[in-house]
Amino acid sequence: MSQVLPIVYQDESLVAVRKPSGLLVHRTALARGESRFALQIVRDQLDRHVYPVHRLDRPTSGLLLFALSPSIANAISEAFTAQQVRKRYLAVVRGVGPEHEWLDNPLREEDGTRPKAEMPAQPACTQIRRLDSVELPVQVDRYPQARYSLMEARPTTGRRHQIRRHLSLRGYPIIGDAKHGKGRHNRFFRDQLGCSRLLLAAVGLGFRHPARDAVLHLSAALDGDMQRLFESFGWAGHLPHDGIHWDEALT
């Protein structure tokens, strides 16, 4: 049986699915031998053309939105560009993160084709909040205990790897981030906790529906490996679930 992606919401204009960690959204220069992409899977699943309106990094799981017509795709893409889409992520980081903070470090774009020094720094802002933390009686680095936090991140801009880079710059790298994280902690989660992925998930989207006079709020459950980790850390009360609700305004 061919692969399918869980559908969180679908109507005549758009469809929202849950993308697993490790799946590319569409074919890119990074594909290198990949034969399955979220775009292709959803197209085959619905038996119709779908149009991507935003992206998730390959290792990031969670809500992925597709339009079902070019006009709807243009409208939603413009909303993302105009910062009129509310995005919510959950991340597991090293250390005890701040209770609440705005991170507004400008970031250079990472396109992989030009030296970083030639890339202009662009405004980037992420609101972060610590939802929970845990202390494990194991020595992973120089400390006798290992501390980790569950962070909520709400980016208002959409720079490449923004959440990963902002949290790393602040001193709380996301577990499983091979580029911006810490190898010892990544290996500990892989070898001892059964989590070899980037522990970052897109769990919420809110935007004005382009064909209806209302705001659609979507939420998505976590992949099974992240769910099990939350339960083992005592964070089950923070587990998101697939769901939708309508409102009159963005919140």
C-alpha atoms as a PDB file:
ATOM      1  CA  MET A   1       0.000   0.000   0.000  1.00  0.00           C
ATOM      2  CA  SER A   2       1.316   3.455  -0.921  1.00  0.00           C
ATOM      3  CA  GLN A   3       2.152   5.930   1.826  1.00  0.00           C
ATOM      4  CA  VAL A   4      -0.495   8.375   2.978  1.00  0.00           C
ATOM      5  CA  LEU A   5      -0.254  11.378   5.285  1.00  0.00           C
ATOM      6  CA  PRO A   6      -2.785  12.035   8.066  1.00  0.00           C
ATOM      7  CA  ILE A   7      -5.227  14.764   7.017  1.00  0.00           C
ATOM      8  CA  VAL A   8      -5.935  17.313   9.746  1.00  0.00           C
ATOM      9  CA  TYR A   9      -8.313  19.438   7.669  1.00  0.00           C
ATOM     10  CA  GLN A  10      -9.653  19.529   4.125  1.00  0.00           C
ATOM     11  CA  ASP A  11     -12.233  21.601   2.263  1.00  0.00           C
ATOM     12  CA  GLU A  12     -12.778  22.815  -1.290  1.00  0.00           C
ATOM     13  CA  SER A  13      -9.860  25.259  -1.063  1.00  0.00           C
ATOM     14  CA  LEU A  14      -7.067  23.662   0.942  1.00  0.00           C
ATOM     15  CA  VAL A  15      -5.785  20.628   2.785  1.00  0.00           C
ATOM     16  CA  ALA A  16      -3.596  20.406   5.873  1.00  0.00           C
ATOM     17  CA  VAL A  17      -1.627  17.234   6.615  1.00  0.00           C
ATOM     18  CA  ARG A  18       0.875  16.006   9.180  1.00  0.00           C
ATOM     19  CA  LYS A  19       4.323  15.611   7.680  1.00  0.00           C
ATOM     20  CA  PRO A  20       6.628  13.139   9.432  1.00  0.00           C
ATOM     21  CA  SER A  21      10.213  13.999  10.263  1.00  0.00           C
ATOM     22  CA  GLY A  22      12.591  13.079   7.444  1.00  0.00           C
ATOM     23  CA  LEU A  23      10.210  13.726   4.533  1.00  0.00           C
ATOM     24  CA  LEU A  24      11.010  16.492   2.052  1.00  0.00           C
ATOM     25  CA  VAL A  25       8.120  18.766   1.051  1.00  0.00           C
ATOM     26  CA  HIS A  26       9.040  18.735  -2.644  1.00  0.00           C
ATOM     27  CA  ARG A  27      11.938  17.962  -4.935  1.00  0.00           C
ATOM     28  CA  THR A  28      14.965  20.207  -4.357  1.00  0.00           C
ATOM     29  CA  ALA A  29      18.717  20.122  -4.814  1.00  0.00           C
ATOM     30  CA  LEU A  30      18.816  18.330  -1.445  1.00  0.00           C
ATOM     31  CA  ALA A  31      16.727  15.418  -2.756  1.00  0.00           C
ATOM     32  CA  ARG A  32      19.692  13.226  -3.813  1.00  0.00           C
ATOM     33  CA  GLY A  33      18.075   9.903  -4.554  1.00  0.00           C
ATOM     34  CA  GLU A  34      14.784  10.564  -2.761  1.00  0.00           C
ATOM     35  CA  SER A  35      11.751   9.282  -4.619  1.00  0.00           C
ATOM     36  CA  ARG A  36       8.899  10.312  -2.299  1.00  0.00           C
ATOM     37  CA  PHE A  37       7.915  13.822  -1.316  1.00  0.00           C
ATOM     38  CA  ALA A  38       5.009  15.246   0.650  1.00  0.00           C
ATOM     39  CA  LEU A  39       3.718  17.083  -2.431  1.00  0.00           C
ATOM     40  CA  GLN A  40       3.607  13.876  -4.466  1.00  0.00           C
ATOM     41  CA  ILE A  41       2.096  11.827  -1.640  1.00  0.00           C
ATOM     42  CA  VAL A  42      -0.752  14.288  -1.049  1.00  0.00           C
ATOM     43  CA  ARG A  43      -1.368  14.663  -4.771  1.00  0.00           C
ATOM     44  CA  ASP A  44      -1.687  10.902  -5.179  1.00  0.00           C
ATOM     45  CA  GLN A  45      -3.714  10.618  -1.984  1.00  0.00           C
ATOM     46  CA  LEU A  46      -6.308  13.181  -3.170  1.00  0.00           C
ATOM     47  CA  ASP A  47      -5.961  12.333  -6.867  1.00  0.00           C
ATOM     48  CA  ARG A  48      -5.683  16.010  -7.780  1.00  0.00           C
ATOM     49  CA  HIS A  49      -3.110  18.760  -8.081  1.00  0.00           C
ATOM     50  CA  VAL A  50      -2.017  20.445  -4.867  1.00  0.00           C
ATOM     51  CA  TYR A  51       0.038  23.602  -4.471  1.00  0.00           C
ATOM     52  CA  PRO A  52       2.556  24.184  -1.644  1.00  0.00           C
ATOM     53  CA  VAL A  53       2.201  27.520   0.164  1.00  0.00           C
ATOM     54  CA  HIS A  54       4.989  27.217   2.752  1.00  0.00           C
ATOM     55  CA  ARG A  55       7.717  24.787   3.738  1.00  0.00           C
ATOM     56  CA  LEU A  56       8.928  22.743   6.663  1.00  0.00           C
ATOM     57  CA  ASP A  57      12.546  21.684   6.955  1.00  0.00           C
ATOM     58  CA  ARG A  58      13.086  18.016   6.164  1.00  0.00           C
ATOM     59  CA  PRO A  59      13.737  16.975   9.812  1.00  0.00           C
ATOM     60  CA  THR A  60      10.845  19.056  11.184  1.00  0.00           C
ATOM     61  CA  SER A  61       7.501  17.311  11.551  1.00  0.00           C
ATOM     62  CA  GLY A  62       4.010  18.735  11.751  1.00  0.00           C
ATOM     63  CA  LEU A  63       1.407  20.832   9.996  1.00  0.00           C
ATOM     64  CA  LEU A  64       1.910  21.267   6.271  1.00  0.00           C
ATOM     65  CA  LEU A  65      -0.599  23.252   4.243  1.00  0.00           C
ATOM     66  CA  PHE A  66      -1.420  22.857   0.545  1.00  0.00           C
ATOM     67  CA  ALA A  67      -3.814  24.876  -1.602  1.00  0.00           C
ATOM     68  CA  LEU A  68      -6.074  23.165  -4.091  1.00  0.00           C
ATOM     69  CA  SER A  69      -5.951  25.892  -6.745  1.00  0.00           C
ATOM     70  CA  PRO A  70      -3.413  28.475  -7.948  1.00  0.00           C
ATOM     71  CA  SER A  71      -5.535  31.412  -6.779  1.00  0.00           C
ATOM     72  CA  ILE A  72      -5.856  30.030  -3.248  1.00  0.00           C
ATOM     73  CA  ALA A  73      -2.128  29.266  -3.243  1.00  0.00           C
ATOM     74  CA  ASN A  74      -1.347  32.881  -4.122  1.00  0.00           C
ATOM     75  CA  ALA A  75      -3.646  34.200  -1.391  1.00  0.00           C
ATOM     76  CA  ILE A  76      -2.184  31.990   1.355  1.00  0.00           C
ATOM     77  CA  SER A  77       1.399  32.564   0.213  1.00  0.00           C
ATOM     78  CA  GLU A  78       0.806  36.312   0.409  1.00  0.00           C
ATOM     79  CA  ALA A  79      -0.540  35.890   3.964  1.00  0.00           C
ATOM     80  CA  PHE A  80       2.656  34.063   4.970  1.00  0.00           C
ATOM     81  CA  THR A  81       4.799  36.774   3.360  1.00  0.00           C
ATOM     82  CA  ALA A  82       2.800  39.515   5.105  1.00  0.00           C
ATOM     83  CA  GLN A  83       3.232  37.762   8.488  1.00  0.00           C
ATOM     84  CA  GLN A  84      -0.519  37.229   8.740  1.00  0.00           C
ATOM     85  CA  VAL A  85      -0.215  33.547   9.671  1.00  0.00           C
ATOM     86  CA  ARG A  86       0.204  32.525  13.309  1.00  0.00           C
ATOM     87  CA  LYS A  87       2.643  29.611  13.694  1.00  0.00           C
ATOM     88  CA  ARG A  88       3.257  27.507  16.792  1.00  0.00           C
ATOM     89  CA  TYR A  89       6.062  25.001  17.282  1.00  0.00           C
ATOM     90  CA  LEU A  90       7.197  22.725  20.098  1.00  0.00           C
ATOM     91  CA  ALA A  91      10.888  22.011  20.641  1.00  0.00           C
ATOM     92  CA  VAL A  92      12.933  20.004  23.133  1.00  0.00           C
ATOM     93  CA  VAL A  93      16.120  21.875  24.020  1.00  0.00           C
ATOM     94  CA  ARG A  94      19.187  21.437  26.168  1.00  0.00           C
ATOM     95  CA  GLY A  95      19.096  23.287  29.494  1.00  0.00           C
ATOM     96  CA  VAL A  96      16.354  25.136  31.353  1.00  0.00           C
ATOM     97  CA  GLY A  97      15.098  27.711  28.899  1.00  0.00           C
ATOM     98  CA  PRO A  98      13.709  31.143  29.779  1.00  0.00           C
ATOM     99  CA  GLU A  99      10.109  31.420  30.961  1.00  0.00           C
ATOM    100  CA  HIS A 100       9.308  33.886  28.192  1.00  0.00           C
ATOM    101  CA  GLU A 101      11.438  35.879  25.802  1.00  0.00           C
ATOM    102  CA  TRP A 102      11.464  37.608  22.429  1.00  0.00           C
ATOM    103  CA  LEU A 103      14.450  36.639  20.273  1.00  0.00           C
ATOM    104  CA  ASP A 104      15.086  39.245  17.595  1.00  0.00           C
ATOM    105  CA  ASN A 105      18.558  38.393  16.304  1.00  0.00           C
ATOM    106  CA  PRO A 106      18.864  39.260  12.594  1.00  0.00           C
ATOM    107  CA  LEU A 107      19.841  36.207  10.553  1.00  0.00           C
ATOM    108  CA  ARG A 108      21.749  35.802   7.315  1.00  0.00           C
ATOM    109  CA  GLU A 109      19.894  33.734   4.756  1.00  0.00           C
ATOM    110  CA  GLU A 110      21.372  30.265   4.191  1.00  0.00           C
ATOM    111  CA  ASP A 111      20.930  29.312   0.558  1.00  0.00           C
ATOM    112  CA  GLY A 112      24.045  27.145   0.297  1.00  0.00           C
ATOM    113  CA  THR A 113      25.224  28.842  -2.917  1.00  0.00           C
ATOM    114  CA  ARG A 114      26.978  31.990  -1.693  1.00  0.00           C
ATOM    115  CA  PRO A 115      29.446  32.656   1.130  1.00  0.00           C
ATOM    116  CA  LYS A 116      27.684  33.721   4.309  1.00  0.00           C
ATOM    117  CA  ALA A 117      29.567  37.022   4.305  1.00  0.00           C
ATOM    118  CA  GLU A 118      27.801  37.932   1.052  1.00  0.00           C
ATOM    119  CA  MET A 119      24.353  37.215   2.457  1.00  0.00           C
ATOM    120  CA  PRO A 120      22.664  40.221   4.075  1.00  0.00           C
ATOM    121  CA  ALA A 121      21.330  39.822   7.613  1.00  0.00           C
ATOM    122  CA  GLN A 122      17.546  40.094   7.691  1.00  0.00           C
ATOM    123  CA  PRO A 123      15.187  40.822  10.596  1.00  0.00           C
ATOM    124  CA  ALA A 124      14.061  37.683  12.418  1.00  0.00           C
ATOM    125  CA  CYS A 125      11.848  37.456  15.487  1.00  0.00           C
ATOM    126  CA  THR A 126      10.726  34.444  17.511  1.00  0.00           C
ATOM    127  CA  GLN A 127       8.679  34.436  20.702  1.00  0.00           C
ATOM    128  CA  ILE A 128       9.670  31.578  23.007  1.00  0.00           C
ATOM    129  CA  ARG A 129       8.127  30.256  26.217  1.00  0.00           C
ATOM    130  CA  ARG A 130       9.157  27.417  28.506  1.00  0.00           C
ATOM    131  CA  LEU A 131       6.281  25.015  29.052  1.00  0.00           C
ATOM    132  CA  ASP A 132       8.096  22.416  31.172  1.00  0.00           C
ATOM    133  CA  SER A 133      11.507  20.996  32.043  1.00  0.00           C
ATOM    134  CA  VAL A 134      13.090  17.787  33.312  1.00  0.00           C
ATOM    135  CA  GLU A 135      16.295  16.849  35.115  1.00  0.00           C
ATOM    136  CA  LEU A 136      17.807  13.435  34.441  1.00  0.00           C
ATOM    137  CA  PRO A 137      20.319  11.810  36.841  1.00  0.00           C
ATOM    138  CA  VAL A 138      22.869  11.187  34.095  1.00  0.00           C
ATOM    139  CA  GLN A 139      26.084  12.930  33.092  1.00  0.00           C
ATOM    140  CA  VAL A 140      26.006  13.780  29.395  1.00  0.00           C
ATOM    141  CA  ASP A 141      28.599  16.576  29.443  1.00  0.00           C
ATOM    142  CA  ARG A 142      30.493  18.204  32.317  1.00  0.00           C
ATOM    143  CA  TYR A 143      27.497  18.396  34.654  1.00  0.00           C
ATOM    144  CA  PRO A 144      26.382  15.455  36.849  1.00  0.00           C
ATOM    145  CA  GLN A 145      22.755  15.927  35.764  1.00  0.00           C
ATOM    146  CA  ALA A 146      21.229  16.635  32.381  1.00  0.00           C
ATOM    147  CA  ARG A 147      18.466  19.221  32.072  1.00  0.00           C
ATOM    148  CA  TYR A 148      16.096  19.647  29.162  1.00  0.00           C
ATOM    149  CA  SER A 149      13.150  21.938  28.454  1.00  0.00           C
ATOM    150  CA  LEU A 150       9.996  21.874  26.407  1.00  0.00           C
ATOM    151  CA  MET A 151       9.824  25.190  24.583  1.00  0.00           C
ATOM    152  CA  GLU A 152       6.987  26.759  22.640  1.00  0.00           C
ATOM    153  CA  ALA A 153       8.196  28.877  19.715  1.00  0.00           C
ATOM    154  CA  ARG A 154       6.087  31.339  17.747  1.00  0.00           C
ATOM    155  CA  PRO A 155       8.080  32.840  14.857  1.00  0.00           C
ATOM    156  CA  THR A 156       6.745  36.027  13.311  1.00  0.00           C
ATOM    157  CA  THR A 157       9.197  35.911  10.414  1.00  0.00           C
ATOM    158  CA  GLY A 158      10.140  32.948   8.254  1.00  0.00           C
ATOM    159  CA  ARG A 159      13.907  32.807   7.879  1.00  0.00           C
ATOM    160  CA  ARG A 160      15.528  29.495   7.044  1.00  0.00           C
ATOM    161  CA  HIS A 161      16.173  27.423  10.185  1.00  0.00           C
ATOM    162  CA  GLN A 162      15.004  30.429  12.205  1.00  0.00           C
ATOM    163  CA  ILE A 163      13.824  28.625  15.342  1.00  0.00           C
ATOM    164  CA  ARG A 164      16.824  26.303  15.341  1.00  0.00           C
ATOM    165  CA  ARG A 165      19.285  29.160  14.942  1.00  0.00           C
ATOM    166  CA  HIS A 166      17.595  31.490  17.422  1.00  0.00           C
ATOM    167  CA  LEU A 167      17.455  28.881  20.178  1.00  0.00           C
ATOM    168  CA  SER A 168      21.042  27.834  19.542  1.00  0.00           C
ATOM    169  CA  LEU A 169      22.256  31.448  19.633  1.00  0.00           C
ATOM    170  CA  ARG A 170      20.402  31.905  22.928  1.00  0.00           C
ATOM    171  CA  GLY A 171      22.218  28.887  24.377  1.00  0.00           C
ATOM    172  CA  TYR A 172      19.402  26.324  24.200  1.00  0.00           C
ATOM    173  CA  PRO A 173      19.995  24.229  21.082  1.00  0.00           C
ATOM    174  CA  ILE A 174      17.272  21.869  19.930  1.00  0.00           C
ATOM    175  CA  ILE A 175      17.964  18.190  20.518  1.00  0.00           C
ATOM    176  CA  GLY A 176      18.712  16.338  17.289  1.00  0.00           C
ATOM    177  CA  ASP A 177      19.932  19.427  15.429  1.00  0.00           C
ATOM    178  CA  ALA A 178      23.084  18.183  13.727  1.00  0.00           C
ATOM    179  CA  LYS A 179      24.063  21.634  12.426  1.00  0.00           C
ATOM    180  CA  HIS A 180      23.188  23.987  15.290  1.00  0.00           C
ATOM    181  CA  GLY A 181      22.993  21.583  18.232  1.00  0.00           C
ATOM    182  CA  LYS A 182      25.308  19.650  20.552  1.00  0.00           C
ATOM    183  CA  GLY A 183      26.577  16.235  19.480  1.00  0.00           C
ATOM    184  CA  ARG A 184      26.809  14.683  22.960  1.00  0.00           C
ATOM    185  CA  HIS A 185      23.185  15.428  23.758  1.00  0.00           C
ATOM    186  CA  ASN A 186      22.015  14.382  20.306  1.00  0.00           C
ATOM    187  CA  ARG A 187      23.796  11.037  20.725  1.00  0.00           C
ATOM    188  CA  PHE A 188      22.366  10.572  24.228  1.00  0.00           C
ATOM    189  CA  PHE A 189      18.817  10.955  22.917  1.00  0.00           C
ATOM    190  CA  ARG A 190      19.573   8.668  19.976  1.00  0.00           C
ATOM    191  CA  ASP A 191      21.304   5.895  21.919  1.00  0.00           C
ATOM    192  CA  GLN A 192      19.541   6.013  25.302  1.00  0.00           C
ATOM    193  CA  LEU A 193      16.098   7.489  24.575  1.00  0.00           C
ATOM    194  CA  GLY A 194      15.382   6.166  21.089  1.00  0.00           C
ATOM    195  CA  CYS A 195      15.061   9.621  19.494  1.00  0.00           C
ATOM    196  CA  SER A 196      17.394  10.185  16.562  1.00  0.00           C
ATOM    197  CA  ARG A 197      15.378  12.985  14.948  1.00  0.00           C
ATOM    198  CA  LEU A 198      15.231  16.757  15.300  1.00  0.00           C
ATOM    199  CA  LEU A 199      12.852  17.388  18.198  1.00  0.00           C
ATOM    200  CA  LEU A 200      10.991  20.244  16.542  1.00  0.00           C
ATOM    201  CA  ALA A 201       7.358  20.029  15.441  1.00  0.00           C
ATOM    202  CA  ALA A 202       4.960  22.491  13.831  1.00  0.00           C
ATOM    203  CA  VAL A 203       1.810  22.014  15.896  1.00  0.00           C
ATOM    204  CA  GLY A 204      -0.323  25.081  15.164  1.00  0.00           C
ATOM    205  CA  LEU A 205      -1.378  27.342  12.285  1.00  0.00           C
ATOM    206  CA  GLY A 206      -3.867  30.194  12.336  1.00  0.00           C
ATOM    207  CA  PHE A 207      -4.841  32.242   9.268  1.00  0.00           C
ATOM    208  CA  ARG A 208      -7.793  33.931   7.621  1.00  0.00           C
ATOM    209  CA  HIS A 209      -9.351  31.426   5.257  1.00  0.00           C
ATOM    210  CA  PRO A 210      -9.005  32.831   1.725  1.00  0.00           C
ATOM    211  CA  ALA A 211     -12.494  31.708   0.703  1.00  0.00           C
ATOM    212  CA  ARG A 212     -14.413  32.293   3.948  1.00  0.00           C
ATOM    213  CA  ASP A 213     -14.847  35.294   6.216  1.00  0.00           C
ATOM    214  CA  ALA A 214     -13.319  33.596   9.253  1.00  0.00           C
ATOM    215  CA  VAL A 215      -9.991  32.624  10.781  1.00  0.00           C
ATOM    216  CA  LEU A 216      -9.097  28.932  10.756  1.00  0.00           C
ATOM    217  CA  HIS A 217      -6.966  27.582  13.601  1.00  0.00           C
ATOM    218  CA  LEU A 218      -5.363  24.180  13.081  1.00  0.00           C
ATOM    219  CA  SER A 219      -3.518  22.005  15.579  1.00  0.00           C
ATOM    220  CA  ALA A 220      -1.627  18.767  14.986  1.00  0.00           C
ATOM    221  CA  ALA A 221      -0.548  15.809  17.089  1.00  0.00           C
ATOM    222  CA  LEU A 222       3.105  14.819  17.392  1.00  0.00           C
ATOM    223  CA  ASP A 223       4.816  11.889  15.730  1.00  0.00           C
ATOM    224  CA  GLY A 224       4.849   8.739  17.837  1.00  0.00           C
ATOM    225  CA  ASP A 225       8.499   9.045  18.892  1.00  0.00           C
ATOM    226  CA  MET A 226       7.980  12.573  20.246  1.00  0.00           C
ATOM    227  CA  GLN A 227       4.758  11.515  21.965  1.00  0.00           C
ATOM    228  CA  ARG A 228       6.551   8.700  23.763  1.00  0.00           C
ATOM    229  CA  LEU A 229       9.356  11.031  24.818  1.00  0.00           C
ATOM    230  CA  PHE A 230       6.861  13.553  26.245  1.00  0.00           C
ATOM    231  CA  GLU A 231       5.167  10.794  28.211  1.00  0.00           C
ATOM    232  CA  SER A 232       8.485   9.504  29.591  1.00  0.00           C
ATOM    233  CA  PHE A 233       9.465  13.040  30.682  1.00  0.00           C
ATOM    234  CA  GLY A 234       6.101  13.669  32.375  1.00  0.00           C
ATOM    235  CA  TRP A 235       5.031  16.145  29.715  1.00  0.00           C
ATOM    236  CA  ALA A 236       1.899  14.327  28.543  1.00  0.00           C
ATOM    237  CA  GLY A 237      -0.246  17.302  29.571  1.00  0.00           C
ATOM    238  CA  HIS A 238       1.403  19.354  26.838  1.00  0.00           C
ATOM    239  CA  LEU A 239       0.689  16.892  24.036  1.00  0.00           C
ATOM    240  CA  PRO A 240      -1.173  18.597  21.170  1.00  0.00           C
ATOM    241  CA  HIS A 241      -3.949  16.861  19.254  1.00  0.00           C
ATOM    242  CA  ASP A 242      -5.329  17.066  15.738  1.00  0.00           C
ATOM    243  CA  GLY A 243      -8.077  19.650  15.719  1.00  0.00           C
ATOM    244  CA  ILE A 244      -9.621  22.761  14.178  1.00  0.00           C
ATOM    245  CA  HIS A 245     -11.655  25.709  15.328  1.00  0.00           C
ATOM    246  CA  TRP A 246     -12.937  28.875  13.729  1.00  0.00           C
ATOM    247  CA  ASP A 247     -12.670  32.393  15.081  1.00  0.00           C
ATOM    248  CA  GLU A 248     -13.290  35.963  13.999  1.00  0.00           C
ATOM    249  CA  ALA A 249      -9.727  37.175  14.504  1.00  0.00           C
ATOM    250  CA  LEU A 250      -6.153  35.963  14.741  1.00  0.00           C
ATOM    251  CA  THR A 251      -4.947  35.448  18.316  1.00  0.00           C
END
